[in-house]
Amino acid sequence: MTTTQRAPRVAVYTRVSNDESGVGRSPKEQHAELIKVIERNGWTLAQHYTDNDKSASRYATKARPGWQAALRGIKAGSFDVLLVWEATRLTRNLEEYVELAKACRAGKVRLAYG
């Protein structure tokens, strides 16, 4: 990165399907790992979206407000990179993945895995 370039603005998305405790430990652990990736690359954290105790399968019945907010952020140009711990944290639904890929392409947002 040259002195005239700004650090990429990164949004983090974390999710866990089942969290019987309601504490959201898994998203917290994901977030901690992703912060290390951001720091290691000299990026800037712009936003953190999370869905706790929310399935991402095509059979899911609960809404995922963090997922919807992340998609809105992509479309609004709020960040340059969407960083997730692994692909399964995003979605397990092919239609949603296609929607994400199209939004990222249109918004020139890179998708990265920690």
N, C-alpha and C. Protein backbone atom coordinates (compact mmCIF):
# COMPACT_ATOMS: atom_id res chain seq x y z
N MET A 1 0.84 -1.17 0.00
CA MET A 1 0.00 0.00 0.00
C MET A 1 0.89 1.23 0.00
N THR A 2 0.63 2.15 -0.92
CA THR A 2 1.40 3.38 -0.97
C THR A 2 0.82 4.38 0.02
N THR A 3 1.51 5.49 0.21
CA THR A 3 1.06 6.49 1.17
C THR A 3 -0.23 7.17 0.73
N THR A 4 -0.56 7.13 -0.56
CA THR A 4 -1.79 7.77 -1.02
C THR A 4 -2.99 6.83 -0.98
N GLN A 5 -2.75 5.56 -0.79
CA GLN A 5 -3.85 4.60 -0.71
C GLN A 5 -4.34 4.49 0.72
N ARG A 6 -5.63 4.34 0.87
CA ARG A 6 -6.17 4.12 2.21
C ARG A 6 -6.29 2.62 2.44
N ALA A 7 -6.27 2.25 3.69
CA ALA A 7 -6.43 0.84 4.04
C ALA A 7 -7.83 0.39 3.68
N PRO A 8 -7.98 -0.82 3.17
CA PRO A 8 -9.32 -1.31 2.86
C PRO A 8 -10.22 -1.31 4.09
N ARG A 9 -11.44 -0.89 3.89
CA ARG A 9 -12.45 -0.92 4.95
C ARG A 9 -13.06 -2.31 4.95
N VAL A 10 -13.04 -2.96 6.10
CA VAL A 10 -13.45 -4.35 6.19
C VAL A 10 -14.68 -4.50 7.09
N ALA A 11 -15.63 -5.25 6.60
CA ALA A 11 -16.78 -5.65 7.42
C ALA A 11 -16.59 -7.12 7.77
N VAL A 12 -16.85 -7.44 9.01
CA VAL A 12 -16.75 -8.81 9.50
C VAL A 12 -18.17 -9.34 9.68
N TYR A 13 -18.38 -10.58 9.23
CA TYR A 13 -19.67 -11.24 9.47
C TYR A 13 -19.40 -12.54 10.22
N THR A 14 -20.06 -12.69 11.36
CA THR A 14 -19.94 -13.90 12.16
C THR A 14 -21.32 -14.50 12.38
N ARG A 15 -21.35 -15.82 12.49
CA ARG A 15 -22.63 -16.50 12.68
C ARG A 15 -22.40 -17.85 13.34
N VAL A 16 -23.36 -18.25 14.14
CA VAL A 16 -23.42 -19.60 14.68
C VAL A 16 -24.87 -20.06 14.58
N SER A 17 -25.04 -21.34 14.27
CA SER A 17 -26.40 -21.89 14.12
C SER A 17 -27.07 -22.13 15.46
N ASN A 18 -26.41 -22.86 16.32
CA ASN A 18 -27.00 -23.23 17.61
C ASN A 18 -26.14 -22.70 18.74
N ASP A 19 -26.76 -21.95 19.59
CA ASP A 19 -26.07 -21.46 20.78
C ASP A 19 -27.05 -21.57 21.93
N GLU A 20 -27.08 -22.74 22.54
CA GLU A 20 -28.04 -22.98 23.62
C GLU A 20 -27.82 -22.08 24.82
N SER A 21 -26.59 -21.60 25.00
CA SER A 21 -26.32 -20.72 26.14
C SER A 21 -26.83 -19.31 25.90
N GLY A 22 -26.97 -18.93 24.63
CA GLY A 22 -27.41 -17.58 24.30
C GLY A 22 -26.31 -16.54 24.43
N VAL A 23 -25.10 -16.96 24.73
CA VAL A 23 -24.00 -16.03 24.95
C VAL A 23 -23.31 -15.65 23.65
N GLY A 24 -23.34 -16.51 22.67
CA GLY A 24 -22.71 -16.21 21.39
C GLY A 24 -21.21 -16.37 21.42
N ARG A 25 -20.71 -17.36 22.13
CA ARG A 25 -19.27 -17.56 22.23
C ARG A 25 -18.63 -17.78 20.87
N SER A 26 -19.24 -18.59 20.04
CA SER A 26 -18.64 -18.87 18.75
C SER A 26 -18.48 -17.61 17.91
N PRO A 27 -19.49 -16.76 17.79
CA PRO A 27 -19.27 -15.51 17.05
C PRO A 27 -18.17 -14.64 17.67
N LYS A 28 -18.06 -14.65 18.99
CA LYS A 28 -17.00 -13.87 19.64
C LYS A 28 -15.63 -14.42 19.27
N GLU A 29 -15.51 -15.75 19.25
CA GLU A 29 -14.23 -16.36 18.87
C GLU A 29 -13.91 -16.07 17.42
N GLN A 30 -14.92 -16.16 16.56
CA GLN A 30 -14.71 -15.84 15.15
C GLN A 30 -14.23 -14.41 15.00
N HIS A 31 -14.89 -13.49 15.72
CA HIS A 31 -14.54 -12.08 15.64
C HIS A 31 -13.10 -11.85 16.08
N ALA A 32 -12.69 -12.48 17.17
CA ALA A 32 -11.32 -12.32 17.66
C ALA A 32 -10.30 -12.79 16.61
N GLU A 33 -10.57 -13.91 15.97
CA GLU A 33 -9.67 -14.41 14.93
C GLU A 33 -9.62 -13.46 13.73
N LEU A 34 -10.77 -12.94 13.34
CA LEU A 34 -10.84 -12.06 12.18
C LEU A 34 -10.18 -10.71 12.45
N ILE A 35 -10.24 -10.24 13.68
CA ILE A 35 -9.55 -9.00 14.04
C ILE A 35 -8.04 -9.19 13.85
N LYS A 36 -7.54 -10.37 14.17
CA LYS A 36 -6.11 -10.65 13.95
C LYS A 36 -5.77 -10.57 12.46
N VAL A 37 -6.65 -11.08 11.61
CA VAL A 37 -6.43 -11.01 10.16
C VAL A 37 -6.40 -9.55 9.71
N ILE A 38 -7.35 -8.76 10.21
CA ILE A 38 -7.42 -7.34 9.85
C ILE A 38 -6.14 -6.62 10.27
N GLU A 39 -5.71 -6.86 11.50
CA GLU A 39 -4.49 -6.21 12.00
C GLU A 39 -3.26 -6.64 11.21
N ARG A 40 -3.15 -7.93 10.92
CA ARG A 40 -2.01 -8.46 10.20
C ARG A 40 -1.89 -7.84 8.80
N ASN A 41 -3.03 -7.52 8.19
CA ASN A 41 -3.03 -6.96 6.84
C ASN A 41 -3.06 -5.43 6.80
N GLY A 42 -3.14 -4.80 7.96
CA GLY A 42 -3.17 -3.34 8.00
C GLY A 42 -4.49 -2.76 7.50
N TRP A 43 -5.56 -3.52 7.62
CA TRP A 43 -6.88 -3.08 7.17
C TRP A 43 -7.57 -2.30 8.29
N THR A 44 -8.72 -1.74 7.98
CA THR A 44 -9.51 -0.98 8.95
C THR A 44 -10.86 -1.66 9.14
N LEU A 45 -11.22 -1.92 10.39
CA LEU A 45 -12.53 -2.50 10.66
C LEU A 45 -13.59 -1.42 10.48
N ALA A 46 -14.52 -1.67 9.57
CA ALA A 46 -15.59 -0.70 9.30
C ALA A 46 -16.89 -1.10 9.98
N GLN A 47 -17.15 -2.40 10.08
CA GLN A 47 -18.43 -2.85 10.60
C GLN A 47 -18.32 -4.31 11.04
N HIS A 48 -19.13 -4.69 12.02
CA HIS A 48 -19.24 -6.10 12.43
C HIS A 48 -20.71 -6.46 12.42
N TYR A 49 -21.04 -7.44 11.61
CA TYR A 49 -22.40 -7.97 11.54
C TYR A 49 -22.37 -9.36 12.15
N THR A 50 -23.41 -9.71 12.89
CA THR A 50 -23.45 -11.04 13.49
C THR A 50 -24.87 -11.57 13.55
N ASP A 51 -24.97 -12.87 13.47
CA ASP A 51 -26.23 -13.57 13.69
C ASP A 51 -25.93 -14.73 14.63
N ASN A 52 -26.52 -14.68 15.81
CA ASN A 52 -26.31 -15.70 16.82
C ASN A 52 -27.53 -16.61 16.88
N ASP A 53 -27.29 -17.90 16.89
CA ASP A 53 -28.37 -18.89 16.96
C ASP A 53 -29.28 -18.80 15.74
N LYS A 54 -28.67 -18.62 14.56
CA LYS A 54 -29.41 -18.50 13.31
C LYS A 54 -28.85 -19.47 12.28
N SER A 55 -29.69 -20.34 11.79
CA SER A 55 -29.28 -21.26 10.74
C SER A 55 -29.17 -20.51 9.42
N ALA A 56 -28.31 -21.01 8.55
CA ALA A 56 -28.15 -20.41 7.23
C ALA A 56 -28.47 -21.41 6.13
N SER A 57 -29.19 -22.46 6.48
CA SER A 57 -29.54 -23.46 5.47
C SER A 57 -30.76 -23.00 4.68
N ARG A 58 -31.04 -23.70 3.62
CA ARG A 58 -32.22 -23.35 2.83
C ARG A 58 -33.50 -23.67 3.58
N TYR A 59 -33.40 -24.41 4.66
CA TYR A 59 -34.58 -24.76 5.47
C TYR A 59 -34.75 -23.85 6.68
N ALA A 60 -33.88 -22.87 6.81
CA ALA A 60 -33.92 -21.98 7.98
C ALA A 60 -35.25 -21.24 8.06
N THR A 61 -35.72 -21.06 9.28
CA THR A 61 -36.99 -20.36 9.49
C THR A 61 -36.82 -19.01 10.19
N LYS A 62 -35.67 -18.79 10.83
CA LYS A 62 -35.42 -17.53 11.52
C LYS A 62 -34.76 -16.53 10.58
N ALA A 63 -35.19 -15.30 10.66
CA ALA A 63 -34.56 -14.23 9.88
C ALA A 63 -33.14 -14.02 10.39
N ARG A 64 -32.26 -13.56 9.51
CA ARG A 64 -30.88 -13.25 9.88
C ARG A 64 -30.63 -11.76 9.64
N PRO A 65 -30.93 -10.94 10.63
CA PRO A 65 -30.77 -9.49 10.44
C PRO A 65 -29.33 -9.07 10.15
N GLY A 66 -28.35 -9.74 10.71
CA GLY A 66 -26.95 -9.41 10.42
C GLY A 66 -26.61 -9.66 8.96
N TRP A 67 -27.09 -10.75 8.42
CA TRP A 67 -26.89 -11.09 7.01
C TRP A 67 -27.52 -10.03 6.10
N GLN A 68 -28.74 -9.65 6.40
CA GLN A 68 -29.44 -8.64 5.60
C GLN A 68 -28.72 -7.29 5.70
N ALA A 69 -28.24 -6.95 6.88
CA ALA A 69 -27.51 -5.68 7.05
C ALA A 69 -26.20 -5.71 6.26
N ALA A 70 -25.52 -6.86 6.25
CA ALA A 70 -24.28 -6.98 5.48
C ALA A 70 -24.55 -6.78 3.99
N LEU A 71 -25.62 -7.38 3.49
CA LEU A 71 -25.97 -7.19 2.08
C LEU A 71 -26.27 -5.73 1.77
N ARG A 72 -26.97 -5.06 2.68
CA ARG A 72 -27.25 -3.63 2.49
C ARG A 72 -25.95 -2.84 2.49
N GLY A 73 -25.02 -3.20 3.37
CA GLY A 73 -23.72 -2.52 3.42
C GLY A 73 -22.93 -2.69 2.14
N ILE A 74 -22.99 -3.89 1.56
CA ILE A 74 -22.32 -4.13 0.28
C ILE A 74 -22.90 -3.22 -0.78
N LYS A 75 -24.22 -3.21 -0.86
CA LYS A 75 -24.91 -2.42 -1.89
C LYS A 75 -24.71 -0.92 -1.70
N ALA A 76 -24.51 -0.49 -0.44
CA ALA A 76 -24.32 0.93 -0.15
C ALA A 76 -22.86 1.38 -0.29
N GLY A 77 -21.96 0.42 -0.51
CA GLY A 77 -20.55 0.78 -0.62
C GLY A 77 -19.92 1.13 0.71
N SER A 78 -20.43 0.56 1.79
CA SER A 78 -19.96 0.89 3.13
C SER A 78 -18.59 0.31 3.48
N PHE A 79 -18.13 -0.66 2.70
CA PHE A 79 -16.84 -1.29 2.96
C PHE A 79 -16.30 -1.90 1.68
N ASP A 80 -15.02 -2.29 1.72
CA ASP A 80 -14.33 -2.82 0.54
C ASP A 80 -14.18 -4.34 0.56
N VAL A 81 -14.19 -4.91 1.76
CA VAL A 81 -13.97 -6.34 1.94
C VAL A 81 -14.98 -6.87 2.94
N LEU A 82 -15.58 -8.02 2.63
CA LEU A 82 -16.41 -8.74 3.60
C LEU A 82 -15.59 -9.93 4.04
N LEU A 83 -15.27 -9.99 5.32
CA LEU A 83 -14.39 -11.01 5.88
C LEU A 83 -15.21 -11.94 6.78
N VAL A 84 -15.10 -13.23 6.51
CA VAL A 84 -15.78 -14.24 7.33
C VAL A 84 -14.78 -15.32 7.72
N TRP A 85 -15.08 -16.01 8.80
CA TRP A 85 -14.19 -17.03 9.32
C TRP A 85 -14.06 -18.19 8.34
N GLU A 86 -15.16 -18.65 7.78
CA GLU A 86 -15.16 -19.68 6.75
C GLU A 86 -16.46 -19.56 5.96
N ALA A 87 -16.49 -20.15 4.79
CA ALA A 87 -17.62 -20.00 3.88
C ALA A 87 -18.95 -20.43 4.50
N THR A 88 -18.94 -21.45 5.34
CA THR A 88 -20.19 -21.92 5.93
C THR A 88 -20.79 -20.93 6.91
N ARG A 89 -20.03 -19.95 7.35
CA ARG A 89 -20.59 -18.94 8.25
C ARG A 89 -21.46 -17.96 7.47
N LEU A 90 -21.20 -17.80 6.17
CA LEU A 90 -22.02 -16.91 5.34
C LEU A 90 -23.40 -17.48 5.12
N THR A 91 -23.43 -18.60 4.41
CA THR A 91 -24.71 -19.21 4.07
C THR A 91 -24.47 -20.64 3.64
N ARG A 92 -25.51 -21.43 3.75
CA ARG A 92 -25.49 -22.81 3.24
C ARG A 92 -26.58 -22.94 2.17
N ASN A 93 -27.00 -21.80 1.68
CA ASN A 93 -28.08 -21.72 0.71
C ASN A 93 -27.50 -21.16 -0.59
N LEU A 94 -27.56 -21.95 -1.64
CA LEU A 94 -26.95 -21.55 -2.91
C LEU A 94 -27.56 -20.27 -3.46
N GLU A 95 -28.86 -20.09 -3.33
CA GLU A 95 -29.50 -18.87 -3.83
C GLU A 95 -28.97 -17.64 -3.11
N GLU A 96 -28.77 -17.74 -1.79
CA GLU A 96 -28.21 -16.62 -1.05
C GLU A 96 -26.77 -16.35 -1.45
N TYR A 97 -26.02 -17.41 -1.70
CA TYR A 97 -24.63 -17.23 -2.11
C TYR A 97 -24.55 -16.53 -3.46
N VAL A 98 -25.43 -16.89 -4.37
CA VAL A 98 -25.46 -16.24 -5.68
C VAL A 98 -25.81 -14.75 -5.50
N GLU A 99 -26.79 -14.46 -4.65
CA GLU A 99 -27.15 -13.07 -4.37
C GLU A 99 -25.95 -12.30 -3.81
N LEU A 100 -25.22 -12.93 -2.89
CA LEU A 100 -24.03 -12.31 -2.32
C LEU A 100 -22.97 -12.06 -3.39
N ALA A 101 -22.72 -13.05 -4.22
CA ALA A 101 -21.71 -12.92 -5.28
C ALA A 101 -22.06 -11.78 -6.23
N LYS A 102 -23.31 -11.68 -6.61
CA LYS A 102 -23.74 -10.60 -7.50
C LYS A 102 -23.58 -9.24 -6.84
N ALA A 103 -23.98 -9.14 -5.57
CA ALA A 103 -23.85 -7.87 -4.85
C ALA A 103 -22.38 -7.47 -4.72
N CYS A 104 -21.52 -8.43 -4.39
CA CYS A 104 -20.09 -8.14 -4.27
C CYS A 104 -19.51 -7.68 -5.60
N ARG A 105 -19.87 -8.35 -6.66
CA ARG A 105 -19.37 -7.97 -7.99
C ARG A 105 -19.83 -6.57 -8.34
N ALA A 106 -21.11 -6.29 -8.16
CA ALA A 106 -21.66 -4.96 -8.50
C ALA A 106 -21.04 -3.86 -7.64
N GLY A 107 -20.83 -4.16 -6.37
CA GLY A 107 -20.30 -3.16 -5.45
C GLY A 107 -18.78 -3.16 -5.35
N LYS A 108 -18.12 -4.03 -6.14
CA LYS A 108 -16.67 -4.14 -6.11
C LYS A 108 -16.15 -4.43 -4.69
N VAL A 109 -16.86 -5.30 -3.99
CA VAL A 109 -16.49 -5.72 -2.65
C VAL A 109 -15.83 -7.08 -2.75
N ARG A 110 -14.66 -7.20 -2.14
CA ARG A 110 -13.97 -8.49 -2.13
C ARG A 110 -14.47 -9.33 -0.98
N LEU A 111 -14.51 -10.62 -1.19
CA LEU A 111 -14.91 -11.57 -0.17
C LEU A 111 -13.66 -12.29 0.30
N ALA A 112 -13.42 -12.31 1.60
CA ALA A 112 -12.22 -12.94 2.14
C ALA A 112 -12.58 -13.84 3.31
N TYR A 113 -11.82 -14.91 3.44
CA TYR A 113 -12.03 -15.86 4.53
C TYR A 113 -10.83 -15.82 5.46
N GLY A 114 -11.10 -15.86 6.76
CA GLY A 114 -10.04 -15.79 7.75
C GLY A 114 -9.44 -17.13 8.00
